[in-house]
């Protein structure tokens, strides 16, 4: 939601950029997400049996990987708040190939464990909003957010047979009643991968030192993220199924827009600030950006510019071209930004 003329009270009149969209001119073929999903999934059983399941071969399509200073002296507590997801074993659906642990749906996530030997395994999660997320599984328990909120979810694991043909390994419909509304945006997951020992967590603690409020932290994290160099070579060669590693990105000092968003999201979540990593389109260009939840303001979506009195939307990637009126008009029209996936 585009925010205009929100009063900020004690906030200084310095420019505050609240969220990041790293925009790309090129559209790469990767990200492993798709809105064109398996056909005839309504015929899939709610629970598969590895020994008797009829092989269902369908093409799993892949999407693109999106490629595109404060003087605070406050007393905000900068102690890291790293939520730890667990496979509690209370509610588990399993067979010889995979396990789906739905014990903590109230917190906004599930965990999936692939136990087989296939080297190419996909997970699909479809919420009640009809949006299907496709992930690549690597073996062992991994965390996945329930981005559609409370409601019914269909969870299915597929093993590669040949080429882009996959066979169903397990399928289960689960019901989620999320009692921690921002839970999906505080816990780590496959695309926002951090823990108490992560370098991004330590860096976020350092950046947040002396901040007065969450807005200050968001600004410090944003300012740090913009020191990362955009990697054009990686953008042109990134492969399908790419998953960012925030610590690696920070160490290398380079990345594509999905990397920028992953680093920022990890840092802010580790400071207890609910943050969504979002993927979608600005016009025809594929992007990744973040939205943050600020107390007393709510969700601040996209990229927000603050002049001490009013809020307006802005894309920092294009900041150097701010004199281009056409570009500014495009950026200023929030309807040009379409969210497709939320992590």
Protein backbone atom coordinates (compact mmCIF):
# COMPACT_ATOMS: atom_id res chain seq x y z
CA UNK A 1 0.00 0.00 0.00
CA UNK A 2 1.38 3.37 -0.98
CA UNK A 3 1.75 5.54 2.09
CA UNK A 4 1.22 9.27 1.82
CA UNK A 5 1.41 11.97 4.49
CA UNK A 6 1.92 9.71 7.50
CA UNK A 7 3.01 11.75 10.48
CA UNK A 8 6.23 10.62 12.07
CA UNK A 9 6.43 12.63 15.28
CA UNK A 10 9.91 12.23 16.72
CA UNK A 11 11.58 10.94 13.54
CA UNK A 12 14.33 13.23 12.21
CA UNK A 13 13.88 15.01 8.90
CA UNK A 14 16.64 13.02 7.24
CA UNK A 15 15.77 10.91 4.23
CA UNK A 16 14.82 7.40 5.32
CA UNK A 17 14.59 4.67 2.74
CA UNK A 18 12.62 1.86 4.31
CA UNK A 19 12.75 -1.11 1.95
CA UNK A 20 14.81 -2.33 -0.96
CA UNK A 21 14.02 -3.18 -4.57
CA UNK A 22 17.12 -4.08 -6.54
CA UNK A 23 15.88 -3.78 -10.12
CA UNK A 24 17.36 -5.55 -13.12
CA UNK A 25 17.19 -4.72 -16.79
CA UNK A 26 17.63 -8.36 -17.70
CA UNK A 27 15.20 -11.16 -16.95
CA UNK A 28 17.01 -14.39 -16.06
CA UNK A 29 15.60 -17.88 -16.28
CA UNK A 30 15.73 -19.24 -12.74
CA UNK A 31 14.08 -18.87 -9.23
CA UNK A 32 12.24 -22.23 -9.41
CA UNK A 33 8.86 -20.61 -8.72
CA UNK A 34 5.90 -20.98 -11.03
CA UNK A 35 2.31 -20.02 -11.36
CA UNK A 36 1.83 -22.57 -14.14
CA UNK A 37 1.74 -25.65 -11.96
CA UNK A 38 1.12 -29.35 -12.32
CA UNK A 39 -2.05 -30.26 -14.15
CA UNK A 40 -4.63 -32.54 -12.59
CA UNK A 41 -3.25 -32.15 -9.07
CA UNK A 42 -6.78 -32.59 -7.77
CA UNK A 43 -6.38 -36.30 -8.50
CA UNK A 44 -3.38 -36.62 -6.19
CA UNK A 45 -3.98 -38.51 -2.94
CA UNK A 46 -3.77 -36.59 0.30
CA UNK A 47 -1.12 -39.03 1.50
CA UNK A 48 1.12 -41.03 -0.79
CA UNK A 49 2.36 -44.54 -0.28
CA UNK A 50 5.86 -44.95 -1.66
CA UNK A 51 5.30 -48.59 -2.53
CA UNK A 52 1.98 -48.35 -4.34
CA UNK A 53 1.73 -44.79 -5.61
CA UNK A 54 0.96 -44.54 -9.31
CA UNK A 55 3.64 -42.49 -11.00
CA UNK A 56 2.26 -39.17 -12.20
CA UNK A 57 4.57 -37.42 -14.63
CA UNK A 58 4.07 -33.74 -15.28
CA UNK A 59 6.37 -30.92 -16.29
CA UNK A 60 7.51 -28.63 -13.48
CA UNK A 61 8.14 -25.22 -14.97
CA UNK A 62 10.68 -22.81 -13.56
CA UNK A 63 10.49 -19.05 -13.16
CA UNK A 64 13.23 -16.47 -13.36
CA UNK A 65 15.58 -15.53 -10.56
CA UNK A 66 14.89 -11.83 -9.95
CA UNK A 67 18.05 -9.95 -10.83
CA UNK A 68 17.37 -6.81 -10.60
CA UNK A 69 23.52 7.87 7.83
CA UNK A 70 21.69 8.35 10.98
CA UNK A 71 23.05 10.04 14.10
CA UNK A 72 20.99 7.82 16.38
CA UNK A 73 22.03 7.68 19.99
CA UNK A 74 18.97 5.88 21.31
CA UNK A 75 18.63 2.95 23.62
CA UNK A 76 16.81 0.40 21.46
CA UNK A 77 17.86 -3.10 22.49
CA UNK A 78 19.95 -4.56 19.65
CA UNK A 79 20.17 -8.08 21.09
CA UNK A 80 19.54 -10.53 18.22
CA UNK A 81 16.15 -12.26 18.23
CA UNK A 82 16.66 -15.43 16.21
CA UNK A 83 13.53 -17.55 16.04
CA UNK A 84 14.43 -21.24 15.81
CA UNK A 85 12.14 -23.47 13.72
CA UNK A 86 11.76 -27.05 14.93
CA UNK A 87 10.44 -30.31 13.58
CA UNK A 88 8.54 -31.10 16.76
CA UNK A 89 7.20 -34.46 15.59
CA UNK A 90 3.70 -33.80 16.91
CA UNK A 91 1.96 -33.71 13.52
CA UNK A 92 3.89 -35.62 10.87
CA UNK A 93 2.89 -37.11 7.51
CA UNK A 94 5.47 -39.50 6.13
CA UNK A 95 6.38 -42.48 4.02
CA UNK A 96 9.67 -44.07 3.01
CA UNK A 97 10.63 -41.09 0.83
CA UNK A 98 9.71 -37.95 2.72
CA UNK A 99 8.32 -36.40 5.90
CA UNK A 100 6.11 -33.34 6.26
CA UNK A 101 6.19 -31.94 9.80
CA UNK A 102 3.17 -29.68 10.33
CA UNK A 103 3.58 -29.38 14.10
CA UNK A 104 4.14 -25.61 14.06
CA UNK A 105 1.69 -24.28 11.51
CA UNK A 106 0.43 -21.88 14.21
CA UNK A 107 3.83 -20.17 13.93
CA UNK A 108 3.48 -19.90 10.16
CA UNK A 109 5.81 -22.58 8.85
CA UNK A 110 6.19 -26.27 8.04
CA UNK A 111 9.29 -28.42 7.75
CA UNK A 112 9.96 -31.02 5.07
CA UNK A 113 12.55 -33.78 5.07
CA UNK A 114 13.42 -35.69 1.91
CA UNK A 115 14.79 -39.12 2.86
CA UNK A 116 15.36 -40.66 -0.57
CA UNK A 117 18.40 -40.74 -2.83
CA UNK A 118 17.12 -38.84 -5.87
CA UNK A 119 19.39 -35.90 -6.73
CA UNK A 120 16.60 -33.69 -8.11
CA UNK A 121 13.62 -33.25 -5.81
CA UNK A 122 10.94 -30.56 -5.85
CA UNK A 123 8.51 -29.39 -3.19
CA UNK A 124 5.29 -27.61 -4.07
CA UNK A 125 3.14 -25.72 -1.56
CA UNK A 126 -0.23 -24.33 -2.65
CA UNK A 127 -2.17 -22.12 -0.25
CA UNK A 128 -5.86 -21.28 -0.18
CA UNK A 129 -5.11 -18.24 -2.35
CA UNK A 130 -4.21 -20.61 -5.20
CA UNK A 131 -0.57 -19.48 -5.46
CA UNK A 132 1.87 -22.38 -5.80
CA UNK A 133 5.47 -22.15 -4.61
CA UNK A 134 8.03 -24.57 -6.02
CA UNK A 135 11.22 -25.25 -4.08
CA UNK A 136 14.25 -27.49 -4.61
CA UNK A 137 14.88 -29.91 -1.73
CA UNK A 138 18.40 -30.83 -0.68
CA UNK A 139 17.76 -33.50 1.94
CA UNK A 140 17.31 -33.11 5.68
CA UNK A 141 14.67 -30.94 7.32
CA UNK A 142 14.17 -27.56 5.67
CA UNK A 143 11.84 -24.67 6.64
CA UNK A 144 9.09 -23.26 4.43
CA UNK A 145 6.75 -20.34 5.23
CA UNK A 146 2.97 -20.49 5.01
CA UNK A 147 2.76 -17.24 3.07
CA UNK A 148 -0.97 -17.38 2.36
CA UNK A 149 -1.87 -17.06 6.05
CA UNK A 150 -4.38 -19.26 7.83
CA UNK A 151 -6.20 -21.79 5.69
CA UNK A 152 -5.71 -24.99 3.73
CA UNK A 153 -2.39 -25.91 2.10
CA UNK A 154 -1.53 -28.70 -0.28
CA UNK A 155 2.05 -29.93 0.18
CA UNK A 156 3.63 -32.31 -2.32
CA UNK A 157 7.13 -33.68 -2.91
CA UNK A 158 8.23 -34.86 -6.37
CA UNK A 159 11.25 -36.86 -7.52
CA UNK A 160 12.87 -36.34 -10.89
CA UNK A 161 12.44 -39.16 -13.38
CA UNK A 162 14.14 -37.71 -16.43
CA UNK A 163 14.60 -34.28 -17.94
CA UNK A 164 11.91 -32.07 -16.42
CA UNK A 165 9.57 -34.95 -15.63
CA UNK A 166 8.76 -35.65 -11.97
CA UNK A 167 6.90 -38.37 -10.07
CA UNK A 168 4.86 -37.81 -6.92
CA UNK A 169 6.62 -39.01 -3.75
CA UNK A 170 4.15 -37.77 -1.12
CA UNK A 171 1.20 -35.41 -1.00
CA UNK A 172 -0.72 -34.06 1.99
CA UNK A 173 -3.36 -31.42 2.59
CA UNK A 174 -2.93 -29.60 5.89
CA UNK A 175 -4.94 -26.95 7.71
CA UNK A 176 -3.13 -24.01 9.30
CA UNK A 177 -4.44 -21.62 11.95
CA UNK A 178 -1.62 -19.11 12.29
CA UNK A 179 -1.83 -17.54 15.76
CA UNK A 180 1.41 -15.60 15.36
CA UNK A 181 0.41 -13.33 12.42
CA UNK A 182 3.95 -12.23 11.59
CA UNK A 183 5.46 -15.62 12.34
CA UNK A 184 6.23 -16.45 8.70
CA UNK A 185 8.22 -13.20 8.49
CA UNK A 186 10.30 -13.66 11.63
CA UNK A 187 11.52 -17.23 11.22
CA UNK A 188 14.34 -18.17 8.84
CA UNK A 189 13.49 -20.27 5.80
CA UNK A 190 15.16 -21.59 2.66
CA UNK A 191 15.39 -18.15 1.01
CA UNK A 192 16.06 -16.26 4.24
CA UNK A 193 18.63 -18.53 5.83
CA UNK A 194 20.18 -17.40 9.11
CA UNK A 195 20.72 -18.51 12.70
CA UNK A 196 22.24 -17.13 15.89
CA UNK A 197 25.76 -17.87 14.60
CA UNK A 198 25.33 -16.24 11.19
CA UNK A 199 27.54 -13.34 10.15
CA UNK A 200 24.50 -11.38 8.97
CA UNK A 201 23.07 -11.60 12.48
CA UNK A 202 26.29 -10.27 14.02
CA UNK A 203 26.42 -7.48 11.44
CA UNK A 204 22.81 -6.54 12.09
CA UNK A 205 23.52 -6.31 15.81
CA UNK A 206 26.44 -4.00 15.07
CA UNK A 207 24.38 -1.83 12.74
CA UNK A 208 21.52 -1.59 15.23
CA UNK A 209 23.73 -0.42 18.08
CA UNK A 210 22.63 3.00 19.30
CA UNK A 211 19.46 3.06 17.22
CA UNK A 212 16.39 4.69 18.72
CA UNK A 213 13.70 2.64 16.97
CA UNK A 214 12.99 0.11 14.24
CA UNK A 215 13.04 2.80 11.55
CA UNK A 216 16.62 3.59 12.44
CA UNK A 217 17.56 -0.09 12.18
CA UNK A 218 15.89 -0.44 8.77
CA UNK A 219 17.80 2.59 7.53
CA UNK A 220 21.14 1.34 8.85
CA UNK A 221 20.57 -2.06 7.24
CA UNK A 222 19.51 -0.42 3.97
CA UNK A 223 22.61 1.78 3.95
CA UNK A 224 24.79 -1.27 4.51
CA UNK A 225 23.06 -3.29 1.77
CA UNK A 226 23.68 -0.57 -0.78
CA UNK A 227 27.44 -1.06 -0.30
CA UNK A 228 27.09 -4.51 -1.92
CA UNK A 229 28.16 -4.42 -5.57
CA UNK A 230 25.67 -5.60 -8.17
CA UNK A 231 26.99 -8.73 -9.93
CA UNK A 232 26.14 -8.46 -13.62
CA UNK A 233 28.02 -11.65 -14.46
CA UNK A 234 26.03 -13.65 -11.93
CA UNK A 235 22.80 -12.07 -13.15
CA UNK A 236 23.49 -13.26 -16.68
CA UNK A 237 24.46 -16.80 -15.68
CA UNK A 238 22.38 -17.69 -12.61
CA UNK A 239 20.68 -21.07 -12.94
CA UNK A 240 17.21 -22.34 -12.17
CA UNK A 241 16.73 -23.25 -8.52
CA UNK A 242 19.22 -20.69 -7.22
CA UNK A 243 18.87 -20.04 -3.48
CA UNK A 244 20.78 -17.13 -1.87
CA UNK A 245 23.12 -17.58 1.09
CA UNK A 246 23.16 -14.31 3.08
CA UNK A 247 26.54 -14.94 4.74
CA UNK A 248 28.18 -15.78 1.42
CA UNK A 249 26.75 -12.65 -0.18
CA UNK A 250 28.05 -10.52 2.68
CA UNK A 251 31.50 -12.12 2.47
CA UNK A 252 31.73 -11.67 -1.30
CA UNK A 253 30.32 -8.16 -1.26
CA UNK A 254 28.48 -8.81 -4.52
CA UNK A 255 25.09 -10.15 -5.51
CA UNK A 256 21.92 -9.91 -7.56
CA UNK A 257 18.68 -8.40 -6.28
CA UNK A 258 17.46 -11.63 -4.69
CA UNK A 259 20.73 -11.63 -2.73
CA UNK A 260 20.27 -8.04 -1.56
CA UNK A 261 16.74 -8.80 -0.41
CA UNK A 262 17.82 -11.99 1.37
CA UNK A 263 20.60 -10.21 3.26
CA UNK A 264 18.32 -7.36 4.36
CA UNK A 265 15.48 -9.68 5.33
CA UNK A 266 17.80 -11.89 7.39
CA UNK A 267 19.27 -8.89 9.20
CA UNK A 268 15.94 -7.30 10.01
CA UNK A 269 14.29 -10.52 11.15
CA UNK A 270 17.24 -11.17 13.44
CA UNK A 271 16.48 -7.80 15.04
CA UNK A 272 12.88 -8.82 15.65
CA UNK A 273 11.49 -6.73 12.79
CA UNK A 274 8.97 -8.70 10.71
CA UNK A 275 10.15 -8.55 7.10
CA UNK A 276 8.83 -10.07 3.88
CA UNK A 277 11.10 -10.98 1.00
CA UNK A 278 8.91 -10.37 -2.03
CA UNK A 279 9.37 -11.33 -5.65
CA UNK A 280 7.36 -9.98 -8.56
CA UNK A 281 7.31 -7.52 -11.42
CA UNK A 282 7.83 -3.82 -11.97
CA UNK A 283 6.34 -3.50 -15.41
CA UNK A 284 7.90 -6.39 -17.32
CA UNK A 285 11.08 -6.58 -15.22
CA UNK A 286 11.44 -9.28 -12.58
CA UNK A 287 12.47 -7.98 -9.14
CA UNK A 288 13.03 -8.88 -5.53
CA UNK A 289 12.35 -6.39 -2.74
CA UNK A 290 11.38 -6.29 0.92
CA UNK A 291 8.51 -4.97 2.98
CA UNK A 292 8.84 -4.34 6.70
CA UNK A 293 6.41 -4.13 9.59
CA UNK A 294 6.90 -1.00 11.67
CA UNK A 295 5.09 -0.66 15.02
CA UNK A 296 2.35 2.00 14.93
CA UNK A 297 2.64 2.20 11.13
CA UNK A 298 2.07 -1.38 9.92
CA UNK A 299 3.44 -2.98 6.80
CA UNK A 300 5.50 -0.60 4.70
CA UNK A 301 5.45 -2.08 1.23
CA UNK A 302 7.96 -1.64 -1.55
CA UNK A 303 10.48 1.16 -1.23
CA UNK A 304 9.53 4.19 0.79
CA UNK A 305 11.13 7.62 0.86
CA UNK A 306 10.64 9.71 3.99
CA UNK A 307 11.28 13.48 4.07
CA UNK A 308 10.48 14.03 7.75
CA UNK A 309 6.79 14.71 7.14
CA UNK A 310 5.46 12.59 4.28
CA UNK A 311 6.02 9.17 2.77
CA UNK A 312 6.26 8.47 -0.95
CA UNK A 313 7.36 5.47 -2.99
CA UNK A 314 10.83 5.36 -4.53
CA UNK A 315 13.12 2.76 -6.04
CA UNK A 316 16.73 3.20 -4.81
CA UNK A 317 18.10 1.26 -7.75
CA UNK A 318 16.99 4.13 -9.94
CA UNK A 319 18.00 6.87 -7.52
CA UNK A 320 20.89 7.97 -9.71
CA UNK A 321 18.41 8.60 -12.52
CA UNK A 322 15.95 10.58 -10.40
CA UNK A 323 16.04 13.48 -12.88
CA UNK A 324 14.38 11.31 -15.50
CA UNK A 325 10.73 12.34 -15.19
CA UNK A 326 9.45 9.31 -17.05
CA UNK A 327 11.28 6.95 -14.74
CA UNK A 328 10.15 8.86 -11.67
CA UNK A 329 6.54 8.66 -12.81
CA UNK A 330 6.87 4.91 -13.30
CA UNK A 331 8.41 4.43 -9.86
CA UNK A 332 5.85 6.70 -8.27
CA UNK A 333 2.97 4.59 -9.55
CA UNK A 334 2.72 1.67 -7.12
CA UNK A 335 0.36 -0.13 -9.49
CA UNK A 336 3.41 -0.91 -11.64
CA UNK A 337 4.70 -3.22 -8.88
CA UNK A 338 3.06 -6.65 -8.71
CA UNK A 339 3.96 -9.09 -5.95
CA UNK A 340 4.04 -12.70 -7.07
CA UNK A 341 5.71 -14.57 -4.21
CA UNK A 342 6.36 -13.82 -0.55
CA UNK A 343 9.04 -15.59 1.54
